[in-house]
Every structure is written in structure tokens, then in C-alpha cells.
């Protein structure tokens, strides 16, 4: 049986949380495992890892192979360095001092625990925040704009004024036509003498 240190997903939909486990590599990702040795929260800023370091070292010493993500977590915690120096035969004091120096260098560099996932979890969040800001800006512009009913009332009033202006010349033309017709009828009729 070959043992692997790997991640086992236990989080909800779209909110991943992983359990770091020692499992037979032939078992399913979320299937049976031998021992649970920690948790990995990739969406927290910075990513958070809770790990039982002594149990992780125990499994490394007994031949367990870490997956890529777990290897990155162990490396950043200094556990792979600890395991390597122990295999070389270094004294426990030297191992502890070397691990402490390594952790201080990592802290100075400001590297976060988020490794294999990289910016995958960050980019969608940033895009969602930008989208939300754009929606807020559009809503503010709409709130500042004139209501549609006021615009409709203005256009209706302008249409009514334009129609009344157009009706007046037509009415004057109609009166002029009627006056001409009346004049025509007067001319054709001659007074009768009786």
C-alpha cells in the first residue's frame, strides 16, 4: 500500500475547504483515508493552513508522498527542510535553528501560503467586485437621471404645442377658402327686379 499526503475536499459548493489527509493513493479523492492531519482554507486572505506538523513528519518519515499542493504547503512551513535534514543525520538543535531561519526568510519575503491555486481564487473575486462596482455606478447614474414619466410628459406637451401651431394656419386657410366661396356665390347671383 502506498500512502499519499493529499487534499480531500470537504467544503460547500463554491466555498472550498480541504482536509489534508494521509490516504491510500488508490482510494477516491474524497473517499476513505487513514488519518486527517490538517485543514486548508484557500479562499481566506491570506490562505490559512492548520496542520499537525508532527503527524505530517511522521508520515513523511514512513514514506508517504505528498501531492503537489501539499508539497508546497509543507515546503513553505519548513517541514520538507526538517525532513531532509533529519534524513541527513543532523542534530535536532541544528534542524530547529535551520527551520527557524527558513521561516524567518519566508516571512520577510511576505509569501503567503496560497501556492498551487495561485491567483485562481483571487481573479474571480476581483472580477465580481469590479462588476458590482459597475452596477452600483449605473444605479447611481439612473437615480440622478430624470424619471421617464417626466420625459414622456415633456414630449407630449411639445407634441401638443406643435399640433396646435400647425392647426392655426390650417384654420386660417379654411376661413379664407370659405370667404372666397361666399364671394363667388354672391357674384353669380344677380338681383332680380320686380
Protein backbone atom coordinates (compact mmCIF):
# COMPACT_ATOMS: atom_id res chain seq x y z
CA UNK A 1 0.00 0.00 0.00
CA UNK A 2 1.43 3.39 -1.00
CA UNK A 3 0.38 6.30 1.17
CA UNK A 4 -0.06 9.80 -0.19
CA UNK A 5 -0.48 13.08 1.65
CA UNK A 6 -3.15 14.91 -0.30
CA UNK A 7 -6.16 17.20 -0.14
CA UNK A 8 -9.69 15.94 0.43
CA UNK A 9 -12.47 18.41 -0.36
CA UNK A 10 -14.96 18.98 2.44
CA UNK A 11 -16.26 22.50 1.72
CA UNK A 12 -19.62 23.63 0.43
CA UNK A 13 -20.44 24.47 -3.16
CA UNK A 14 -18.18 27.32 -4.40
CA UNK A 15 -16.62 27.62 -0.92
CA UNK A 16 -13.85 25.03 -0.93
CA UNK A 17 -12.25 23.83 2.29
CA UNK A 18 -9.79 20.98 2.11
CA UNK A 19 -8.74 18.43 4.65
CA UNK A 20 -5.09 17.38 4.46
CA UNK A 21 -5.08 13.59 4.82
CA UNK A 22 -2.85 10.57 4.60
CA UNK A 23 -4.65 8.15 2.28
CA UNK A 24 -4.05 5.13 0.12
CA UNK A 25 -3.43 6.55 -3.34
CA UNK A 26 -5.86 4.05 -4.88
CA UNK A 27 -8.83 5.49 -2.96
CA UNK A 28 -11.03 8.23 -4.39
CA UNK A 29 -10.18 11.85 -3.71
CA UNK A 30 -13.00 12.32 -1.21
CA UNK A 31 -13.09 8.65 -0.19
CA UNK A 32 -11.53 6.70 2.66
CA UNK A 33 -8.40 7.98 4.34
CA UNK A 34 -6.02 6.78 7.03
CA UNK A 35 -5.55 9.96 9.04
CA UNK A 36 -6.67 13.59 8.93
CA UNK A 37 -3.69 15.84 9.71
CA UNK A 38 -4.94 19.34 8.94
CA UNK A 39 -7.13 21.85 7.08
CA UNK A 40 -6.50 24.18 4.15
CA UNK A 41 -8.74 27.24 3.58
CA UNK A 42 -7.75 28.61 0.13
CA UNK A 43 -10.30 31.45 -0.09
CA UNK A 44 -9.22 33.27 3.05
CA UNK A 45 -6.85 36.20 2.57
CA UNK A 46 -4.12 35.06 3.06
CA UNK A 47 -4.89 31.36 2.72
CA UNK A 48 -4.95 29.61 6.08
CA UNK A 49 -3.44 26.23 6.89
CA UNK A 50 -3.91 24.33 10.14
CA UNK A 51 -1.53 21.39 10.24
CA UNK A 52 -0.38 18.85 12.80
CA UNK A 53 3.30 19.13 11.93
CA UNK A 54 4.46 16.16 13.98
CA UNK A 55 1.97 13.84 12.21
CA UNK A 56 2.99 15.20 8.80
CA UNK A 57 6.65 14.50 9.64
CA UNK A 58 5.68 11.01 10.86
CA UNK A 59 4.06 10.21 7.50
CA UNK A 60 6.97 11.69 5.53
CA UNK A 61 9.42 9.55 7.52
CA UNK A 62 7.34 6.47 6.78
CA UNK A 63 7.46 7.05 3.03
CA UNK A 64 4.25 8.96 2.30
CA UNK A 65 4.48 11.01 -0.90
CA UNK A 66 2.83 14.47 -0.85
CA UNK A 67 0.74 15.75 -3.74
CA UNK A 68 1.93 18.95 -5.44
CA UNK A 69 -0.26 21.25 -3.36
CA UNK A 70 0.54 19.52 -0.09
CA UNK A 71 4.24 19.56 -1.02
CA UNK A 72 4.02 23.35 -1.48
CA UNK A 73 2.30 23.74 1.89
CA UNK A 74 4.88 21.56 3.64
CA UNK A 75 7.76 23.37 1.95
CA UNK A 76 6.51 26.80 2.99
CA UNK A 77 6.06 25.58 6.57
CA UNK A 78 9.64 24.27 6.58
CA UNK A 79 8.60 20.65 7.10
CA UNK A 80 10.31 19.34 3.98
CA UNK A 81 13.55 21.04 5.10
CA UNK A 82 13.10 19.45 8.54
CA UNK A 83 12.55 16.03 6.97
CA UNK A 84 15.56 16.44 4.66
CA UNK A 85 17.92 17.49 7.45
CA UNK A 86 16.71 14.64 9.65
CA UNK A 87 17.43 12.15 6.85
CA UNK A 88 20.92 13.63 6.52
CA UNK A 89 21.55 12.92 10.21
CA UNK A 90 21.68 16.49 11.54
CA UNK A 91 21.21 17.06 15.27
CA UNK A 92 17.78 18.24 16.49
CA UNK A 93 19.24 21.63 17.57
CA UNK A 94 20.69 22.29 14.12
CA UNK A 95 17.43 21.22 12.49
CA UNK A 96 15.38 23.61 14.64
CA UNK A 97 17.71 26.56 14.00
CA UNK A 98 17.71 25.91 10.23
CA UNK A 99 13.90 25.64 10.15
CA UNK A 100 13.55 28.87 12.17
CA UNK A 101 15.89 30.71 9.77
CA UNK A 102 13.91 29.38 6.82
CA UNK A 103 10.60 30.54 8.33
CA UNK A 104 12.04 34.00 9.02
CA UNK A 105 13.18 34.28 5.38
CA UNK A 106 9.72 33.26 4.21
CA UNK A 107 8.15 35.87 6.50
CA UNK A 108 10.49 38.59 5.18
CA UNK A 109 9.60 37.74 1.61
CA UNK A 110 5.95 38.07 2.58
CA UNK A 111 4.97 34.91 0.78
CA UNK A 112 1.53 33.68 1.58
CA UNK A 113 0.55 30.06 1.96
CA UNK A 114 -1.54 30.17 -1.20
CA UNK A 115 0.55 28.25 -3.68
CA UNK A 116 -0.75 25.71 -6.15
CA UNK A 117 -4.04 27.56 -6.50
CA UNK A 118 -2.18 30.80 -7.19
CA UNK A 119 -4.49 33.61 -8.29
CA UNK A 120 -7.27 31.31 -9.41
CA UNK A 121 -9.33 32.15 -6.34
CA UNK A 122 -8.43 35.83 -6.43
CA UNK A 123 -9.21 36.78 -10.04
CA UNK A 124 -12.88 35.74 -9.99
CA UNK A 125 -13.37 37.62 -6.74
CA UNK A 126 -11.77 40.75 -8.19
CA UNK A 127 -13.87 40.46 -11.35
CA UNK A 128 -17.02 40.10 -9.25
CA UNK A 129 -16.09 43.16 -7.18
CA UNK A 130 -15.46 45.21 -10.33
CA UNK A 131 -18.79 44.06 -11.78
CA UNK A 132 -20.57 45.04 -8.57
CA UNK A 133 -18.94 48.49 -8.66
CA UNK A 134 -20.06 48.98 -12.27
CA UNK A 135 -23.61 48.03 -11.36
CA UNK A 136 -23.53 50.49 -8.44
CA UNK A 137 -22.29 53.28 -10.73
CA UNK A 138 -25.07 52.57 -13.25
CA UNK A 139 -27.65 52.61 -10.47
CA UNK A 140 -26.36 55.98 -9.22
CA UNK A 141 -26.49 57.43 -12.73
CA UNK A 142 -30.05 56.20 -13.14
CA UNK A 143 -31.03 57.70 -9.80
CA UNK A 144 -29.60 61.07 -10.86
CA UNK A 145 -31.27 60.97 -14.27
CA UNK A 146 -34.75 62.44 -14.84
CA UNK A 147 -37.59 59.99 -14.39
CA UNK A 148 -39.06 58.54 -17.57
CA UNK A 149 -42.55 59.86 -16.80
CA UNK A 150 -41.24 63.46 -16.71
CA UNK A 151 -39.53 62.97 -20.07
CA UNK A 152 -42.74 61.49 -21.54
CA UNK A 153 -44.80 64.41 -20.22
CA UNK A 154 -42.39 66.90 -21.78
CA UNK A 155 -42.52 65.18 -25.18
CA UNK A 156 -46.34 65.01 -25.04
CA UNK A 157 -46.51 68.73 -24.21
CA UNK A 158 -44.15 69.54 -27.08
CA UNK A 159 -46.23 67.41 -29.46
CA UNK A 160 -49.43 69.15 -28.35
CA UNK A 161 -47.87 72.59 -28.87
CA UNK A 162 -46.62 71.62 -32.29
CA UNK A 163 -50.05 70.30 -33.25
CA UNK A 164 -51.82 73.47 -32.11
CA UNK A 165 -49.30 75.60 -34.02
CA UNK A 166 -49.97 73.57 -37.14
CA UNK A 167 -53.76 73.75 -36.66
CA UNK A 168 -53.86 77.60 -36.58
CA UNK A 169 -52.53 78.15 -40.12
CA UNK A 170 -54.87 75.46 -41.42
CA UNK A 171 -57.84 77.10 -39.68
CA UNK A 172 -56.92 80.49 -41.18
CA UNK A 173 -56.61 78.87 -44.61
CA UNK A 174 -60.01 77.21 -44.20
CA UNK A 175 -61.64 80.55 -43.28
CA UNK A 176 -60.07 82.20 -46.29
CA UNK A 177 -61.40 79.43 -48.57
CA UNK A 178 -64.92 79.83 -47.12
CA UNK A 179 -64.79 83.58 -47.64
CA UNK A 180 -63.76 83.08 -51.27
CA UNK A 181 -66.62 80.67 -51.83
CA UNK A 182 -69.06 83.13 -50.35
CA UNK A 183 -67.75 85.84 -52.67
CA UNK A 184 -68.11 83.51 -55.63
CA UNK A 185 -71.73 82.80 -54.83
CA UNK A 186 -72.52 86.49 -54.44
CA UNK A 187 -71.06 87.31 -57.85
CA UNK A 188 -73.08 84.73 -59.72
CA UNK A 189 -76.38 85.80 -58.33
CA UNK A 190 -77.81 88.91 -59.89
CA UNK A 191 -80.51 90.84 -58.18
CA UNK A 192 -83.92 90.39 -59.75
CA UNK A 193 -86.08 93.36 -60.50
CA UNK A 194 -89.56 93.00 -59.75
